[in-house]
Amino acid sequence: MLHKILDHNKKFVEERRNRGEDKPISAHAHADVMVFTCMDTRLVDLLEPAMGFKRGDIKILKNAGNMIRTGCNDVIRSIMIGTVVMGLKEVFIVGHKDCGMAKQTPEAIKEKLLARGIAKEAVEAIDIAEWAGLIGDEVENVKDVVNKIRTSPYIPKDVILHGLIMDPNTGEIEVIIDGSQS
């Protein structure tokens, strides 16, 4: 796969260069917005356009299930960097319908870990549901994430937090929490 990617990349870079699209752009989000969403592939080339954003407009943060696990501060750290260091003013937490992290079970993940050669002792030493970040309900997960960000001592209180749910097929967005109403 690596060589296929590299071959494609050579053609891609040359085409961009020929169209004059290889000019530097700012690394700062033009819209002062960060989006925290799921890594689901159905959201690629759907989420940003559905929200009216294009390349360079926003900072985007993704993980499996767009969730914040207990004791895992990487998402909060990234949001802090975006809001404190970069000055972003709004954060959109965007869950989506039909999320794979709501379909998984601890038992199925345990079986897959063991089948891939992960040591039984390592698997049994963790709460798989918490460690993997399984979610019970996409809407409740969005509410929980907004609350964890809102109550974090590292996120400024003037940051506007929104909670949304997207349909991964149509791109339709539903508002769960309108942070501008707070």
N, C-alpha and C. Protein backbone atom coordinates (compact mmCIF):
# COMPACT_ATOMS: atom_id res chain seq x y z
N MET A 1 0.82 -1.19 0.00
CA MET A 1 0.00 0.00 0.00
C MET A 1 0.87 1.26 0.00
N LEU A 2 2.00 1.25 0.73
CA LEU A 2 2.86 2.43 0.81
C LEU A 2 3.30 2.89 -0.58
N HIS A 3 3.73 1.97 -1.41
CA HIS A 3 4.23 2.36 -2.74
C HIS A 3 3.10 2.89 -3.61
N LYS A 4 1.93 2.32 -3.46
CA LYS A 4 0.77 2.82 -4.20
C LYS A 4 0.46 4.27 -3.78
N ILE A 5 0.53 4.53 -2.48
CA ILE A 5 0.29 5.88 -1.96
C ILE A 5 1.35 6.85 -2.49
N LEU A 6 2.60 6.45 -2.45
CA LEU A 6 3.68 7.32 -2.91
C LEU A 6 3.58 7.62 -4.41
N ASP A 7 3.22 6.61 -5.20
CA ASP A 7 3.02 6.84 -6.64
C ASP A 7 1.89 7.83 -6.87
N HIS A 8 0.80 7.63 -6.16
CA HIS A 8 -0.34 8.56 -6.29
C HIS A 8 0.08 9.96 -5.84
N ASN A 9 0.84 10.04 -4.76
CA ASN A 9 1.24 11.33 -4.23
C ASN A 9 2.06 12.13 -5.23
N LYS A 10 2.96 11.49 -5.95
CA LYS A 10 3.76 12.19 -6.96
C LYS A 10 2.85 12.86 -7.98
N LYS A 11 1.87 12.12 -8.46
CA LYS A 11 0.93 12.68 -9.45
C LYS A 11 0.09 13.79 -8.82
N PHE A 12 -0.37 13.58 -7.61
CA PHE A 12 -1.18 14.57 -6.89
C PHE A 12 -0.42 15.89 -6.74
N VAL A 13 0.83 15.82 -6.28
CA VAL A 13 1.64 17.02 -6.06
C VAL A 13 1.87 17.74 -7.38
N GLU A 14 2.18 17.00 -8.42
CA GLU A 14 2.42 17.62 -9.72
C GLU A 14 1.16 18.31 -10.25
N GLU A 15 0.01 17.67 -10.11
CA GLU A 15 -1.25 18.28 -10.55
C GLU A 15 -1.55 19.55 -9.76
N ARG A 16 -1.33 19.53 -8.45
CA ARG A 16 -1.55 20.73 -7.63
C ARG A 16 -0.59 21.84 -8.05
N ARG A 17 0.65 21.48 -8.29
CA ARG A 17 1.65 22.46 -8.71
C ARG A 17 1.24 23.08 -10.05
N ASN A 18 0.81 22.26 -10.99
CA ASN A 18 0.39 22.74 -12.31
C ASN A 18 -0.82 23.68 -12.23
N ARG A 19 -1.69 23.45 -11.25
CA ARG A 19 -2.87 24.32 -11.07
C ARG A 19 -2.57 25.52 -10.18
N GLY A 20 -1.35 25.61 -9.67
CA GLY A 20 -0.98 26.72 -8.78
C GLY A 20 -1.57 26.60 -7.40
N GLU A 21 -1.88 25.37 -6.98
CA GLU A 21 -2.50 25.15 -5.67
C GLU A 21 -1.48 24.76 -4.61
N ASP A 22 -0.21 24.93 -4.89
CA ASP A 22 0.83 24.50 -3.95
C ASP A 22 1.39 25.65 -3.13
N LYS A 23 0.68 26.75 -3.09
CA LYS A 23 1.13 27.92 -2.33
C LYS A 23 0.85 27.72 -0.85
N PRO A 24 1.73 28.24 0.01
CA PRO A 24 1.52 28.10 1.46
C PRO A 24 0.22 28.78 1.91
N ILE A 25 -0.44 28.15 2.86
CA ILE A 25 -1.60 28.77 3.51
C ILE A 25 -1.32 28.79 5.00
N SER A 26 -2.05 29.64 5.70
CA SER A 26 -1.85 29.78 7.14
C SER A 26 -2.20 28.48 7.86
N ALA A 27 -1.44 28.16 8.90
CA ALA A 27 -1.75 27.01 9.74
C ALA A 27 -2.79 27.36 10.79
N HIS A 28 -3.14 28.64 10.91
CA HIS A 28 -4.15 29.08 11.87
C HIS A 28 -5.53 28.90 11.25
N ALA A 29 -6.48 28.47 12.06
CA ALA A 29 -7.85 28.30 11.58
C ALA A 29 -8.45 29.66 11.21
N HIS A 30 -8.86 29.82 9.99
CA HIS A 30 -9.43 31.08 9.53
C HIS A 30 -10.71 31.44 10.25
N ALA A 31 -11.45 30.45 10.70
CA ALA A 31 -12.76 30.69 11.31
C ALA A 31 -12.71 30.70 12.84
N ASP A 32 -11.54 30.58 13.46
CA ASP A 32 -11.41 30.52 14.92
C ASP A 32 -12.30 29.44 15.52
N VAL A 33 -12.36 28.29 14.83
CA VAL A 33 -13.24 27.18 15.22
C VAL A 33 -12.44 25.89 15.27
N MET A 34 -12.78 25.05 16.25
CA MET A 34 -12.28 23.69 16.32
C MET A 34 -13.47 22.76 16.28
N VAL A 35 -13.33 21.64 15.58
CA VAL A 35 -14.35 20.60 15.55
C VAL A 35 -13.73 19.34 16.14
N PHE A 36 -14.41 18.74 17.09
CA PHE A 36 -14.00 17.46 17.65
C PHE A 36 -15.04 16.44 17.22
N THR A 37 -14.60 15.45 16.46
CA THR A 37 -15.53 14.49 15.88
C THR A 37 -14.93 13.08 15.89
N CYS A 38 -15.65 12.18 15.30
CA CYS A 38 -15.26 10.77 15.22
C CYS A 38 -14.34 10.54 14.02
N MET A 39 -13.54 9.49 14.11
CA MET A 39 -12.64 9.15 13.01
C MET A 39 -13.33 8.33 11.91
N ASP A 40 -14.63 8.15 11.99
CA ASP A 40 -15.39 7.40 11.00
C ASP A 40 -15.09 7.91 9.59
N THR A 41 -14.75 7.01 8.70
CA THR A 41 -14.38 7.39 7.34
C THR A 41 -15.53 8.03 6.56
N ARG A 42 -16.75 7.77 6.96
CA ARG A 42 -17.88 8.37 6.25
C ARG A 42 -17.94 9.88 6.41
N LEU A 43 -17.23 10.41 7.41
CA LEU A 43 -17.25 11.86 7.65
C LEU A 43 -16.20 12.60 6.82
N VAL A 44 -15.24 11.86 6.25
CA VAL A 44 -14.20 12.48 5.43
C VAL A 44 -14.86 13.07 4.18
N ASP A 45 -14.53 14.29 3.87
CA ASP A 45 -15.09 15.03 2.73
C ASP A 45 -16.59 15.24 2.84
N LEU A 46 -17.16 15.07 4.04
CA LEU A 46 -18.58 15.32 4.28
C LEU A 46 -18.76 16.35 5.39
N LEU A 47 -18.08 16.16 6.50
CA LEU A 47 -18.30 17.00 7.67
C LEU A 47 -18.03 18.48 7.40
N GLU A 48 -16.82 18.79 6.94
CA GLU A 48 -16.47 20.20 6.73
C GLU A 48 -17.40 20.87 5.71
N PRO A 49 -17.60 20.28 4.52
CA PRO A 49 -18.51 20.93 3.58
C PRO A 49 -19.94 21.05 4.11
N ALA A 50 -20.40 20.06 4.87
CA ALA A 50 -21.76 20.11 5.42
C ALA A 50 -21.91 21.26 6.42
N MET A 51 -20.79 21.64 7.05
CA MET A 51 -20.80 22.75 8.01
C MET A 51 -20.44 24.08 7.35
N GLY A 52 -20.10 24.05 6.07
CA GLY A 52 -19.76 25.28 5.35
C GLY A 52 -18.30 25.67 5.44
N PHE A 53 -17.42 24.72 5.79
CA PHE A 53 -16.00 25.00 5.92
C PHE A 53 -15.22 24.36 4.78
N LYS A 54 -14.07 24.96 4.49
CA LYS A 54 -13.16 24.39 3.50
C LYS A 54 -11.76 24.28 4.10
N ARG A 55 -10.83 23.74 3.34
CA ARG A 55 -9.47 23.54 3.81
C ARG A 55 -8.90 24.83 4.39
N GLY A 56 -8.35 24.71 5.61
CA GLY A 56 -7.73 25.86 6.25
C GLY A 56 -8.65 26.66 7.14
N ASP A 57 -9.95 26.38 7.09
CA ASP A 57 -10.91 27.16 7.88
C ASP A 57 -10.91 26.80 9.36
N ILE A 58 -10.76 25.51 9.67
CA ILE A 58 -10.95 25.05 11.05
C ILE A 58 -9.85 24.09 11.48
N LYS A 59 -9.69 23.97 12.79
CA LYS A 59 -8.87 22.90 13.36
C LYS A 59 -9.82 21.73 13.58
N ILE A 60 -9.36 20.54 13.26
CA ILE A 60 -10.22 19.38 13.45
C ILE A 60 -9.47 18.32 14.24
N LEU A 61 -10.18 17.76 15.21
CA LEU A 61 -9.64 16.77 16.13
C LEU A 61 -10.55 15.55 16.03
N LYS A 62 -9.96 14.37 15.89
CA LYS A 62 -10.76 13.15 15.74
C LYS A 62 -10.24 12.04 16.66
N ASN A 63 -11.17 11.22 17.12
CA ASN A 63 -10.81 9.96 17.74
C ASN A 63 -11.98 8.99 17.58
N ALA A 64 -11.78 7.77 17.96
CA ALA A 64 -12.84 6.77 17.83
C ALA A 64 -14.01 7.13 18.75
N GLY A 65 -15.15 7.45 18.16
CA GLY A 65 -16.36 7.75 18.92
C GLY A 65 -16.47 9.17 19.42
N ASN A 66 -15.56 10.06 19.04
CA ASN A 66 -15.52 11.45 19.53
C ASN A 66 -15.86 11.50 21.02
N MET A 67 -15.07 10.78 21.79
CA MET A 67 -15.35 10.72 23.23
C MET A 67 -14.12 11.05 24.04
N ILE A 68 -14.37 11.45 25.28
CA ILE A 68 -13.30 11.74 26.21
C ILE A 68 -13.35 10.68 27.31
N ARG A 69 -12.32 9.84 27.35
CA ARG A 69 -12.27 8.77 28.34
C ARG A 69 -11.81 9.31 29.69
N THR A 70 -12.29 8.71 30.75
CA THR A 70 -11.87 9.09 32.09
C THR A 70 -10.37 8.88 32.23
N GLY A 71 -9.68 9.90 32.74
CA GLY A 71 -8.25 9.79 32.97
C GLY A 71 -7.39 9.97 31.73
N CYS A 72 -8.00 10.21 30.59
CA CYS A 72 -7.26 10.40 29.34
C CYS A 72 -7.45 11.85 28.90
N ASN A 73 -6.41 12.65 29.02
CA ASN A 73 -6.54 14.09 28.82
C ASN A 73 -6.08 14.59 27.46
N ASP A 74 -5.81 13.72 26.49
CA ASP A 74 -5.32 14.18 25.19
C ASP A 74 -6.31 15.08 24.46
N VAL A 75 -7.59 14.78 24.53
CA VAL A 75 -8.58 15.63 23.86
C VAL A 75 -8.64 16.99 24.54
N ILE A 76 -8.71 17.00 25.85
CA ILE A 76 -8.73 18.27 26.60
C ILE A 76 -7.46 19.06 26.30
N ARG A 77 -6.31 18.39 26.28
CA ARG A 77 -5.04 19.05 25.97
C ARG A 77 -5.10 19.71 24.59
N SER A 78 -5.59 19.01 23.60
CA SER A 78 -5.66 19.58 22.25
C SER A 78 -6.64 20.74 22.18
N ILE A 79 -7.77 20.63 22.87
CA ILE A 79 -8.73 21.73 22.88
C ILE A 79 -8.15 22.93 23.62
N MET A 80 -7.40 22.68 24.71
CA MET A 80 -6.74 23.77 25.42
C MET A 80 -5.75 24.48 24.50
N ILE A 81 -4.94 23.72 23.77
CA ILE A 81 -3.98 24.33 22.85
C ILE A 81 -4.72 25.17 21.81
N GLY A 82 -5.81 24.64 21.29
CA GLY A 82 -6.59 25.38 20.30
C GLY A 82 -7.21 26.65 20.84
N THR A 83 -7.74 26.58 22.05
CA THR A 83 -8.45 27.75 22.59
C THR A 83 -7.54 28.72 23.31
N VAL A 84 -6.57 28.23 24.05
CA VAL A 84 -5.69 29.12 24.82
C VAL A 84 -4.52 29.62 23.97
N VAL A 85 -3.80 28.70 23.35
CA VAL A 85 -2.60 29.07 22.60
C VAL A 85 -2.95 29.70 21.24
N MET A 86 -3.94 29.12 20.56
CA MET A 86 -4.28 29.59 19.22
C MET A 86 -5.43 30.59 19.21
N GLY A 87 -6.13 30.72 20.32
CA GLY A 87 -7.19 31.71 20.42
C GLY A 87 -8.51 31.34 19.76
N LEU A 88 -8.75 30.04 19.52
CA LEU A 88 -10.02 29.64 18.92
C LEU A 88 -11.15 29.95 19.89
N LYS A 89 -12.28 30.36 19.36
CA LYS A 89 -13.38 30.85 20.20
C LYS A 89 -14.54 29.87 20.35
N GLU A 90 -14.69 28.96 19.40
CA GLU A 90 -15.81 28.01 19.45
C GLU A 90 -15.31 26.60 19.21
N VAL A 91 -15.93 25.65 19.92
CA VAL A 91 -15.63 24.24 19.73
C VAL A 91 -16.94 23.52 19.44
N PHE A 92 -16.97 22.79 18.35
CA PHE A 92 -18.13 22.00 17.96
C PHE A 92 -17.82 20.54 18.22
N ILE A 93 -18.60 19.90 19.07
CA ILE A 93 -18.47 18.46 19.30
C ILE A 93 -19.50 17.83 18.39
N VAL A 94 -19.02 17.06 17.41
CA VAL A 94 -19.92 16.50 16.40
C VAL A 94 -19.88 14.98 16.45
N GLY A 95 -20.93 14.41 17.05
CA GLY A 95 -21.10 12.97 17.01
C GLY A 95 -21.82 12.62 15.73
N HIS A 96 -22.03 11.35 15.51
CA HIS A 96 -22.79 10.98 14.31
C HIS A 96 -23.64 9.75 14.59
N LYS A 97 -24.70 9.65 13.83
CA LYS A 97 -25.59 8.50 13.93
C LYS A 97 -24.85 7.26 13.43
N ASP A 98 -25.27 6.09 13.90
CA ASP A 98 -24.73 4.83 13.44
C ASP A 98 -23.24 4.69 13.74
N CYS A 99 -22.81 5.18 14.91
CA CYS A 99 -21.39 5.15 15.29
C CYS A 99 -20.97 3.72 15.66
N GLY A 100 -19.86 3.31 15.11
CA GLY A 100 -19.34 1.97 15.39
C GLY A 100 -18.97 1.76 16.84
N MET A 101 -18.60 2.83 17.56
CA MET A 101 -18.24 2.69 18.96
C MET A 101 -19.46 2.46 19.85
N ALA A 102 -20.64 2.67 19.31
CA ALA A 102 -21.87 2.35 20.04
C ALA A 102 -22.33 0.92 19.74
N LYS A 103 -21.69 0.29 18.76
CA LYS A 103 -22.07 -1.07 18.36
C LYS A 103 -21.16 -2.15 18.94
N GLN A 104 -19.99 -1.74 19.42
CA GLN A 104 -19.01 -2.70 19.93
C GLN A 104 -19.41 -3.18 21.32
N THR A 105 -18.91 -4.36 21.67
CA THR A 105 -19.10 -4.87 23.03
C THR A 105 -17.72 -5.17 23.62
N PRO A 106 -17.60 -5.08 24.93
CA PRO A 106 -16.32 -5.43 25.55
C PRO A 106 -15.88 -6.86 25.21
N GLU A 107 -16.85 -7.76 25.15
CA GLU A 107 -16.52 -9.16 24.87
C GLU A 107 -15.94 -9.32 23.47
N ALA A 108 -16.53 -8.65 22.49
CA ALA A 108 -16.04 -8.75 21.11
C ALA A 108 -14.65 -8.15 20.98
N ILE A 109 -14.41 -7.02 21.64
CA ILE A 109 -13.09 -6.40 21.59
C ILE A 109 -12.06 -7.30 22.28
N LYS A 110 -12.43 -7.89 23.41
CA LYS A 110 -11.52 -8.79 24.12
C LYS A 110 -11.12 -9.95 23.21
N GLU A 111 -12.09 -10.55 22.54
CA GLU A 111 -11.80 -11.66 21.63
C GLU A 111 -10.85 -11.23 20.52
N LYS A 112 -11.06 -10.05 19.96
CA LYS A 112 -10.21 -9.55 18.88
C LYS A 112 -8.79 -9.26 19.38
N LEU A 113 -8.68 -8.70 20.57
CA LEU A 113 -7.36 -8.44 21.15
C LEU A 113 -6.59 -9.74 21.33
N LEU A 114 -7.25 -10.73 21.92
CA LEU A 114 -6.59 -12.02 22.17
C LEU A 114 -6.23 -12.70 20.85
N ALA A 115 -7.13 -12.62 19.86
CA ALA A 115 -6.88 -13.24 18.56
C ALA A 115 -5.69 -12.60 17.84
N ARG A 116 -5.43 -11.33 18.13
CA ARG A 116 -4.30 -10.62 17.50
C ARG A 116 -3.01 -10.77 18.30
N GLY A 117 -3.05 -11.58 19.35
CA GLY A 117 -1.83 -11.88 20.09
C GLY A 117 -1.54 -10.95 21.26
N ILE A 118 -2.50 -10.13 21.64
CA ILE A 118 -2.31 -9.28 22.81
C ILE A 118 -2.37 -10.19 24.04
N ALA A 119 -1.43 -10.00 24.95
CA ALA A 119 -1.32 -10.86 26.13
C ALA A 119 -2.60 -10.84 26.96
N LYS A 120 -3.04 -12.00 27.38
CA LYS A 120 -4.25 -12.13 28.18
C LYS A 120 -4.16 -11.29 29.45
N GLU A 121 -3.00 -11.23 30.06
CA GLU A 121 -2.82 -10.44 31.27
C GLU A 121 -3.08 -8.96 31.00
N ALA A 122 -2.62 -8.48 29.86
CA ALA A 122 -2.83 -7.06 29.50
C ALA A 122 -4.31 -6.79 29.27
N VAL A 123 -4.98 -7.71 28.60
CA VAL A 123 -6.41 -7.55 28.31
C VAL A 123 -7.23 -7.57 29.60
N GLU A 124 -6.88 -8.46 30.49
CA GLU A 124 -7.64 -8.58 31.73
C GLU A 124 -7.32 -7.48 32.74
N ALA A 125 -6.26 -6.73 32.50
CA ALA A 125 -5.87 -5.66 33.42
C ALA A 125 -6.63 -4.36 33.19
N ILE A 126 -7.46 -4.32 32.15
CA ILE A 126 -8.19 -3.08 31.83
C ILE A 126 -9.69 -3.30 31.82
N ASP A 127 -10.41 -2.21 32.03
CA ASP A 127 -11.85 -2.19 31.80
C ASP A 127 -12.00 -1.88 30.32
N ILE A 128 -12.26 -2.88 29.51
CA ILE A 128 -12.25 -2.72 28.06
C ILE A 128 -13.23 -1.66 27.59
N ALA A 129 -14.42 -1.62 28.15
CA ALA A 129 -15.40 -0.63 27.71
C ALA A 129 -14.88 0.79 27.91
N GLU A 130 -14.28 1.06 29.06
CA GLU A 130 -13.73 2.39 29.35
C GLU A 130 -12.46 2.64 28.55
N TRP A 131 -11.55 1.67 28.53
CA TRP A 131 -10.28 1.83 27.85
C TRP A 131 -10.46 2.07 26.36
N ALA A 132 -11.35 1.29 25.74
CA ALA A 132 -11.58 1.43 24.29
C ALA A 132 -12.46 2.63 23.97
N GLY A 133 -13.21 3.11 24.95
CA GLY A 133 -14.07 4.26 24.72
C GLY A 133 -15.40 3.90 24.08
N LEU A 134 -15.98 2.80 24.55
CA LEU A 134 -17.29 2.42 24.00
C LEU A 134 -18.35 3.40 24.48
N ILE A 135 -19.29 3.69 23.62
CA ILE A 135 -20.37 4.61 23.99
C ILE A 135 -21.70 3.88 23.90
N GLY A 136 -22.64 4.27 24.74
CA GLY A 136 -23.95 3.63 24.74
C GLY A 136 -24.91 4.30 23.78
N ASP A 137 -24.78 5.61 23.64
CA ASP A 137 -25.73 6.38 22.84
C ASP A 137 -25.00 7.60 22.29
N GLU A 138 -25.12 7.83 21.00
CA GLU A 138 -24.39 8.93 20.36
C GLU A 138 -24.76 10.30 20.93
N VAL A 139 -26.06 10.54 21.16
CA VAL A 139 -26.50 11.84 21.68
C VAL A 139 -26.00 12.04 23.11
N GLU A 140 -26.13 11.04 23.95
CA GLU A 140 -25.65 11.15 25.33
C GLU A 140 -24.14 11.35 25.37
N ASN A 141 -23.43 10.71 24.45
CA ASN A 141 -21.98 10.90 24.39
C ASN A 141 -21.64 12.36 24.08
N VAL A 142 -22.34 12.97 23.13
CA VAL A 142 -22.09 14.38 22.80
C VAL A 142 -22.34 15.25 24.04
N LYS A 143 -23.42 15.01 24.74
CA LYS A 143 -23.72 15.78 25.95
C LYS A 143 -22.62 15.60 27.00
N ASP A 144 -22.16 14.37 27.17
CA ASP A 144 -21.10 14.07 28.14
C ASP A 144 -19.80 14.77 27.78
N VAL A 145 -19.44 14.76 26.50
CA VAL A 145 -18.20 15.39 26.06
C VAL A 145 -18.28 16.91 26.26
N VAL A 146 -19.40 17.51 25.89
CA VAL A 146 -19.57 18.95 26.11
C VAL A 146 -19.40 19.26 27.60
N ASN A 147 -20.01 18.46 28.45
CA ASN A 147 -19.91 18.68 29.90
C ASN A 147 -18.47 18.54 30.40
N LYS A 148 -17.74 17.53 29.91
CA LYS A 148 -16.35 17.33 30.34
C LYS A 148 -15.48 18.51 29.91
N ILE A 149 -15.72 19.03 28.73
CA ILE A 149 -14.94 20.19 28.26
C ILE A 149 -15.33 21.42 29.07
N ARG A 150 -16.62 21.62 29.26
CA ARG A 150 -17.12 22.79 29.99
C ARG A 150 -16.59 22.84 31.42
N THR A 151 -16.45 21.69 32.05
CA THR A 151 -16.03 21.65 33.45
C THR A 151 -14.52 21.48 33.63
N SER A 152 -13.78 21.37 32.53
CA SER A 152 -12.34 21.22 32.64
C SER A 152 -11.72 22.53 33.14
N PRO A 153 -10.80 22.44 34.08
CA PRO A 153 -10.13 23.66 34.56
C PRO A 153 -9.17 24.26 33.53
N TYR A 154 -8.93 23.55 32.44
CA TYR A 154 -7.97 24.01 31.43
C TYR A 154 -8.61 24.69 30.22
N ILE A 155 -9.94 24.74 30.21
CA ILE A 155 -10.64 25.36 29.08
C ILE A 155 -11.26 26.67 29.57
N PRO A 156 -10.93 27.79 28.91
CA PRO A 156 -11.50 29.08 29.34
C PRO A 156 -13.03 29.07 29.30
N LYS A 157 -13.64 29.73 30.26
CA LYS A 157 -15.10 29.73 30.39
C LYS A 157 -15.79 30.50 29.27
N ASP A 158 -15.05 31.35 28.54
CA ASP A 158 -15.67 32.11 27.46
C ASP A 158 -15.69 31.35 26.12
N VAL A 159 -15.12 30.13 26.09
CA VAL A 159 -15.17 29.33 24.87
C VAL A 159 -16.59 28.82 24.68
N ILE A 160 -17.11 29.00 23.49
CA ILE A 160 -18.47 28.57 23.17
C ILE A 160 -18.41 27.11 22.73
N LEU A 161 -19.21 26.26 23.39
CA LEU A 161 -19.24 24.82 23.10
C LEU A 161 -20.59 24.43 22.53
N HIS A 162 -20.57 23.78 21.38
CA HIS A 162 -21.79 23.30 20.73
C HIS A 162 -21.73 21.77 20.64
N GLY A 163 -22.87 21.13 20.75
CA GLY A 163 -22.97 19.69 20.57
C GLY A 163 -23.89 19.38 19.41
N LEU A 164 -23.40 18.64 18.44
CA LEU A 164 -24.16 18.32 17.23
C LEU A 164 -24.12 16.83 16.94
N ILE A 165 -25.12 16.38 16.19
CA ILE A 165 -25.14 15.01 15.68
C ILE A 165 -25.32 15.10 14.17
N MET A 166 -24.53 14.32 13.44
CA MET A 166 -24.60 14.33 11.99
C MET A 166 -25.05 12.98 11.47
N ASP A 167 -25.80 13.00 10.41
CA ASP A 167 -26.15 11.79 9.68
C ASP A 167 -24.99 11.51 8.73
N PRO A 168 -24.29 10.36 8.85
CA PRO A 168 -23.11 10.11 8.04
C PRO A 168 -23.42 9.81 6.57
N ASN A 169 -24.68 9.70 6.24
CA ASN A 169 -25.06 9.45 4.86
C ASN A 169 -25.50 10.73 4.16
N THR A 170 -26.36 11.50 4.80
CA THR A 170 -26.90 12.71 4.17
C THR A 170 -26.09 13.96 4.49
N GLY A 171 -25.40 13.96 5.63
CA GLY A 171 -24.70 15.15 6.08
C GLY A 171 -25.57 16.07 6.91
N GLU A 172 -26.82 15.69 7.15
CA GLU A 172 -27.73 16.53 7.94
C GLU A 172 -27.22 16.64 9.37
N ILE A 173 -27.29 17.86 9.92
CA ILE A 173 -26.81 18.15 11.26
C ILE A 173 -27.99 18.52 12.16
N GLU A 174 -28.00 17.93 13.36
CA GLU A 174 -28.99 18.27 14.38
C GLU A 174 -28.27 18.89 15.56
N VAL A 175 -28.86 19.93 16.13
CA VAL A 175 -28.27 20.58 17.28
C VAL A 175 -28.73 19.86 18.55
N ILE A 176 -27.77 19.46 19.37
CA ILE A 176 -28.05 18.86 20.66
C ILE A 176 -27.86 19.92 21.74
N ILE A 177 -26.77 20.68 21.63
CA ILE A 177 -26.49 21.78 22.56
C ILE A 177 -26.06 22.99 21.75
N ASP A 178 -26.79 24.08 21.92
CA ASP A 178 -26.46 25.35 21.27
C ASP A 178 -25.70 26.19 22.28
N GLY A 179 -24.40 26.21 22.18
CA GLY A 179 -23.55 26.91 23.12
C GLY A 179 -23.74 28.41 23.12
N SER A 180 -24.29 28.95 22.05
CA SER A 180 -24.52 30.40 22.02
C SER A 180 -25.73 30.79 22.87
N GLN A 181 -26.49 29.80 23.34
CA GLN A 181 -27.65 30.03 24.19
C GLN A 181 -27.28 30.00 25.67
N SER A 182 -26.03 29.62 25.97
CA SER A 182 -25.62 29.48 27.38
C SER A 182 -25.37 30.80 28.04
